[in-house]
Amino acid sequence: MSERKRRGSAVERYIVNKLYAKGFACVRAPASGSKRKNPVPDIIALKGGVILSIEVKSRRSDDSVYISREQGEGILRFSERSGGELFIAIKNTSELKFIPFSKLRKTKGGNFVADKEVISSGLSMEDLVRLVESKFVKGLDLFA
């Protein structure tokens, strides 16, 4: 396994472990480099009926992150079919951010890009957890 893939796998495991510790059910579905016909995101995380599809990108720099048209459209299709929300998790040397896929810009060639500004405005792990927990349905008995 190449150093790049090893680093990416380590980031995926880190995210799965952190989300699990926050009460999520998680599945890591690494498919990088596999010749899958239908791309799937790296991580599926569920909590309280909320489904997250997470594609993980690891970078040594703070540069923009690109996702090919094929991969982007595939993971978006997967997320839509599952009823989940699609995020791109970007880990650089100093931080981990979660960006809603809808914030990515489409290039002229049809690829997807997260610019530096979009990355810097991404959610932290704690913000992501709060977002998910805010979507829980609260029963009326909680207000009695």
C-alpha atoms as a PDB file:
ATOM      1  CA  MET A   1       0.000   0.000   0.000  1.00  0.00           C
ATOM      2  CA  SER A   2       1.355   3.415  -0.919  1.00  0.00           C
ATOM      3  CA  GLU A   3       2.130   6.035   1.724  1.00  0.00           C
ATOM      4  CA  ARG A   4      -0.705   8.204   0.376  1.00  0.00           C
ATOM      5  CA  LYS A   5      -3.286   5.420   0.690  1.00  0.00           C
ATOM      6  CA  ARG A   6      -1.962   4.460   4.124  1.00  0.00           C
ATOM      7  CA  ARG A   7      -2.339   8.071   5.315  1.00  0.00           C
ATOM      8  CA  GLY A   8      -5.862   8.272   3.848  1.00  0.00           C
ATOM      9  CA  SER A   9      -6.879   5.025   5.535  1.00  0.00           C
ATOM     10  CA  ALA A  10      -5.525   6.294   8.865  1.00  0.00           C
ATOM     11  CA  VAL A  11      -7.644   9.457   8.557  1.00  0.00           C
ATOM     12  CA  GLU A  12     -10.729   7.374   7.720  1.00  0.00           C
ATOM     13  CA  ARG A  13     -10.171   5.182  10.800  1.00  0.00           C
ATOM     14  CA  TYR A  14      -9.624   8.280  12.954  1.00  0.00           C
ATOM     15  CA  ILE A  15     -12.952   9.778  11.815  1.00  0.00           C
ATOM     16  CA  VAL A  16     -14.821   6.490  12.329  1.00  0.00           C
ATOM     17  CA  ASN A  17     -13.408   6.134  15.859  1.00  0.00           C
ATOM     18  CA  LYS A  18     -14.235   9.745  16.802  1.00  0.00           C
ATOM     19  CA  LEU A  19     -17.796   9.498  15.448  1.00  0.00           C
ATOM     20  CA  TYR A  20     -18.298   6.133  17.171  1.00  0.00           C
ATOM     21  CA  ALA A  21     -17.188   7.708  20.459  1.00  0.00           C
ATOM     22  CA  LYS A  22     -19.853  10.402  19.877  1.00  0.00           C
ATOM     23  CA  GLY A  23     -22.596   7.765  19.566  1.00  0.00           C
ATOM     24  CA  PHE A  24     -22.678   7.143  15.812  1.00  0.00           C
ATOM     25  CA  ALA A  25     -22.952   3.760  14.148  1.00  0.00           C
ATOM     26  CA  CYS A  26     -20.225   3.802  11.496  1.00  0.00           C
ATOM     27  CA  VAL A  27     -19.089   1.711   8.564  1.00  0.00           C
ATOM     28  CA  ARG A  28     -15.867   2.346   6.716  1.00  0.00           C
ATOM     29  CA  ALA A  29     -16.265   1.416   3.049  1.00  0.00           C
ATOM     30  CA  PRO A  30     -12.901   2.184   1.467  1.00  0.00           C
ATOM     31  CA  ALA A  31     -13.034   1.853  -2.286  1.00  0.00           C
ATOM     32  CA  SER A  32     -10.134   4.032  -3.421  1.00  0.00           C
ATOM     33  CA  GLY A  33      -8.577   2.664  -6.529  1.00  0.00           C
ATOM     34  CA  SER A  34     -11.065  -0.171  -6.794  1.00  0.00           C
ATOM     35  CA  LYS A  35     -12.664  -0.393 -10.187  1.00  0.00           C
ATOM     36  CA  ARG A  36     -16.156  -0.129  -8.718  1.00  0.00           C
ATOM     37  CA  LYS A  37     -18.865   0.618 -11.213  1.00  0.00           C
ATOM     38  CA  ASN A  38     -20.808   2.644  -8.649  1.00  0.00           C
ATOM     39  CA  PRO A  39     -18.601   4.774  -6.376  1.00  0.00           C
ATOM     40  CA  VAL A  40     -19.443   4.770  -2.670  1.00  0.00           C
ATOM     41  CA  PRO A  41     -18.324   7.218   0.030  1.00  0.00           C
ATOM     42  CA  ASP A  42     -15.524   6.207   2.397  1.00  0.00           C
ATOM     43  CA  ILE A  43     -17.670   6.329   5.548  1.00  0.00           C
ATOM     44  CA  ILE A  44     -21.356   5.877   6.323  1.00  0.00           C
ATOM     45  CA  ALA A  45     -22.329   7.206   9.757  1.00  0.00           C
ATOM     46  CA  LEU A  46     -25.778   7.032  11.362  1.00  0.00           C
ATOM     47  CA  LYS A  47     -27.186   8.537  14.527  1.00  0.00           C
ATOM     48  CA  GLY A  48     -30.791   8.966  15.582  1.00  0.00           C
ATOM     49  CA  GLY A  49     -32.063   8.272  12.069  1.00  0.00           C
ATOM     50  CA  VAL A  50     -29.713  10.802  10.452  1.00  0.00           C
ATOM     51  CA  ILE A  51     -27.489   9.370   7.721  1.00  0.00           C
ATOM     52  CA  LEU A  52     -24.130  10.877   6.774  1.00  0.00           C
ATOM     53  CA  SER A  53     -22.133   9.857   3.725  1.00  0.00           C
ATOM     54  CA  ILE A  54     -18.542  11.033   4.086  1.00  0.00           C
ATOM     55  CA  GLU A  55     -15.835  11.096   1.424  1.00  0.00           C
ATOM     56  CA  VAL A  56     -12.404  11.607   3.006  1.00  0.00           C
ATOM     57  CA  LYS A  57      -9.544  13.571   1.468  1.00  0.00           C
ATOM     58  CA  SER A  58      -6.188  13.974   3.180  1.00  0.00           C
ATOM     59  CA  ARG A  59      -3.750  16.714   2.171  1.00  0.00           C
ATOM     60  CA  ARG A  60      -0.362  17.898   3.361  1.00  0.00           C
ATOM     61  CA  SER A  61      -1.098  21.407   2.141  1.00  0.00           C
ATOM     62  CA  ASP A  62      -3.964  23.859   2.431  1.00  0.00           C
ATOM     63  CA  ASP A  63      -4.627  23.799  -1.311  1.00  0.00           C
ATOM     64  CA  SER A  64      -7.984  23.293  -2.968  1.00  0.00           C
ATOM     65  CA  VAL A  65      -9.323  19.734  -3.106  1.00  0.00           C
ATOM     66  CA  TYR A  66     -10.601  18.222  -6.346  1.00  0.00           C
ATOM     67  CA  ILE A  67     -12.975  15.316  -6.857  1.00  0.00           C
ATOM     68  CA  SER A  68     -13.420  13.806 -10.288  1.00  0.00           C
ATOM     69  CA  ARG A  69     -16.774  14.114 -11.991  1.00  0.00           C
ATOM     70  CA  GLU A  70     -17.254  10.335 -11.951  1.00  0.00           C
ATOM     71  CA  GLN A  71     -16.504   9.975  -8.261  1.00  0.00           C
ATOM     72  CA  GLY A  72     -18.484  13.087  -7.281  1.00  0.00           C
ATOM     73  CA  GLU A  73     -21.576  12.112  -9.228  1.00  0.00           C
ATOM     74  CA  GLY A  74     -21.331   8.531  -7.941  1.00  0.00           C
ATOM     75  CA  ILE A  75     -21.118   9.400  -4.249  1.00  0.00           C
ATOM     76  CA  LEU A  76     -23.827  12.031  -4.687  1.00  0.00           C
ATOM     77  CA  ARG A  77     -26.100   9.417  -6.295  1.00  0.00           C
ATOM     78  CA  PHE A  78     -25.355   7.009  -3.410  1.00  0.00           C
ATOM     79  CA  SER A  79     -26.176   9.686  -0.847  1.00  0.00           C
ATOM     80  CA  GLU A  80     -29.435  10.618  -2.566  1.00  0.00           C
ATOM     81  CA  ARG A  81     -30.514   6.969  -2.743  1.00  0.00           C
ATOM     82  CA  SER A  82     -29.767   6.475   0.962  1.00  0.00           C
ATOM     83  CA  GLY A  83     -31.554   9.667   1.986  1.00  0.00           C
ATOM     84  CA  GLY A  84     -28.342  10.829   3.629  1.00  0.00           C
ATOM     85  CA  GLU A  85     -26.348  14.018   3.629  1.00  0.00           C
ATOM     86  CA  LEU A  86     -23.048  14.009   1.771  1.00  0.00           C
ATOM     87  CA  PHE A  87     -19.960  15.634   3.289  1.00  0.00           C
ATOM     88  CA  ILE A  88     -16.367  15.846   2.188  1.00  0.00           C
ATOM     89  CA  ALA A  89     -13.990  15.478   5.132  1.00  0.00           C
ATOM     90  CA  ILE A  90     -10.717  17.246   4.449  1.00  0.00           C
ATOM     91  CA  LYS A  91      -7.744  16.651   6.725  1.00  0.00           C
ATOM     92  CA  ASN A  92      -4.680  18.815   6.247  1.00  0.00           C
ATOM     93  CA  THR A  93      -1.687  19.131   8.530  1.00  0.00           C
ATOM     94  CA  SER A  94      -3.478  21.303  11.078  1.00  0.00           C
ATOM     95  CA  GLU A  95      -7.201  20.589  11.010  1.00  0.00           C
ATOM     96  CA  LEU A  96     -10.106  18.392   9.963  1.00  0.00           C
ATOM     97  CA  LYS A  97     -13.097  20.038   8.301  1.00  0.00           C
ATOM     98  CA  PHE A  98     -16.409  18.676   7.034  1.00  0.00           C
ATOM     99  CA  ILE A  99     -17.827  20.418   3.978  1.00  0.00           C
ATOM    100  CA  PRO A 100     -21.359  19.819   2.693  1.00  0.00           C
ATOM    101  CA  PHE A 101     -21.008  18.516  -0.855  1.00  0.00           C
ATOM    102  CA  SER A 102     -23.446  21.194  -2.006  1.00  0.00           C
ATOM    103  CA  LYS A 103     -20.791  23.837  -1.210  1.00  0.00           C
ATOM    104  CA  LEU A 104     -18.353  22.416  -3.769  1.00  0.00           C
ATOM    105  CA  ARG A 105     -17.985  24.262  -7.053  1.00  0.00           C
ATOM    106  CA  LYS A 106     -18.229  22.444 -10.373  1.00  0.00           C
ATOM    107  CA  THR A 107     -15.370  23.127 -12.790  1.00  0.00           C
ATOM    108  CA  LYS A 108     -15.760  23.627 -16.554  1.00  0.00           C
ATOM    109  CA  GLY A 109     -14.601  20.038 -16.995  1.00  0.00           C
ATOM    110  CA  GLY A 110     -17.353  18.765 -14.696  1.00  0.00           C
ATOM    111  CA  ASN A 111     -15.117  17.962 -11.726  1.00  0.00           C
ATOM    112  CA  PHE A 112     -15.852  19.240  -8.231  1.00  0.00           C
ATOM    113  CA  VAL A 113     -13.590  21.519  -6.194  1.00  0.00           C
ATOM    114  CA  ALA A 114     -13.480  22.739  -2.606  1.00  0.00           C
ATOM    115  CA  ASP A 115     -11.586  26.030  -2.628  1.00  0.00           C
ATOM    116  CA  LYS A 116      -9.512  27.190   0.339  1.00  0.00           C
ATOM    117  CA  GLU A 117     -12.299  29.536   1.468  1.00  0.00           C
ATOM    118  CA  VAL A 118     -14.888  26.744   1.391  1.00  0.00           C
ATOM    119  CA  ILE A 119     -12.544  24.449   3.317  1.00  0.00           C
ATOM    120  CA  SER A 120     -11.810  27.070   5.973  1.00  0.00           C
ATOM    121  CA  SER A 121     -15.551  27.613   6.508  1.00  0.00           C
ATOM    122  CA  GLY A 122     -16.183  23.880   6.939  1.00  0.00           C
ATOM    123  CA  LEU A 123     -17.556  22.293  10.083  1.00  0.00           C
ATOM    124  CA  SER A 124     -15.382  20.923  12.854  1.00  0.00           C
ATOM    125  CA  MET A 125     -16.140  17.432  14.197  1.00  0.00           C
ATOM    126  CA  GLU A 126     -18.029  19.018  17.121  1.00  0.00           C
ATOM    127  CA  ASP A 127     -20.043  21.235  14.757  1.00  0.00           C
ATOM    128  CA  LEU A 128     -20.947  18.203  12.627  1.00  0.00           C
ATOM    129  CA  VAL A 129     -22.147  16.292  15.695  1.00  0.00           C
ATOM    130  CA  ARG A 130     -24.239  19.285  16.838  1.00  0.00           C
ATOM    131  CA  LEU A 131     -25.758  19.596  13.356  1.00  0.00           C
ATOM    132  CA  VAL A 132     -26.784  15.930  13.357  1.00  0.00           C
ATOM    133  CA  GLU A 133     -28.163  16.069  16.897  1.00  0.00           C
ATOM    134  CA  SER A 134     -30.210  19.178  16.024  1.00  0.00           C
ATOM    135  CA  LYS A 135     -32.095  17.067  13.466  1.00  0.00           C
ATOM    136  CA  PHE A 136     -33.361  14.522  15.968  1.00  0.00           C
ATOM    137  CA  VAL A 137     -37.120  14.317  16.245  1.00  0.00           C
ATOM    138  CA  LYS A 138     -38.163  15.272  19.758  1.00  0.00           C
ATOM    139  CA  GLY A 139     -41.236  13.553  21.106  1.00  0.00           C
ATOM    140  CA  LEU A 140     -43.922  15.583  22.853  1.00  0.00           C
ATOM    141  CA  ASP A 141     -43.289  13.748  26.131  1.00  0.00           C
ATOM    142  CA  LEU A 142     -39.945  15.596  26.365  1.00  0.00           C
ATOM    143  CA  PHE A 143     -41.836  18.871  26.763  1.00  0.00           C
ATOM    144  CA  ALA A 144     -44.144  17.725  29.553  1.00  0.00           C
END
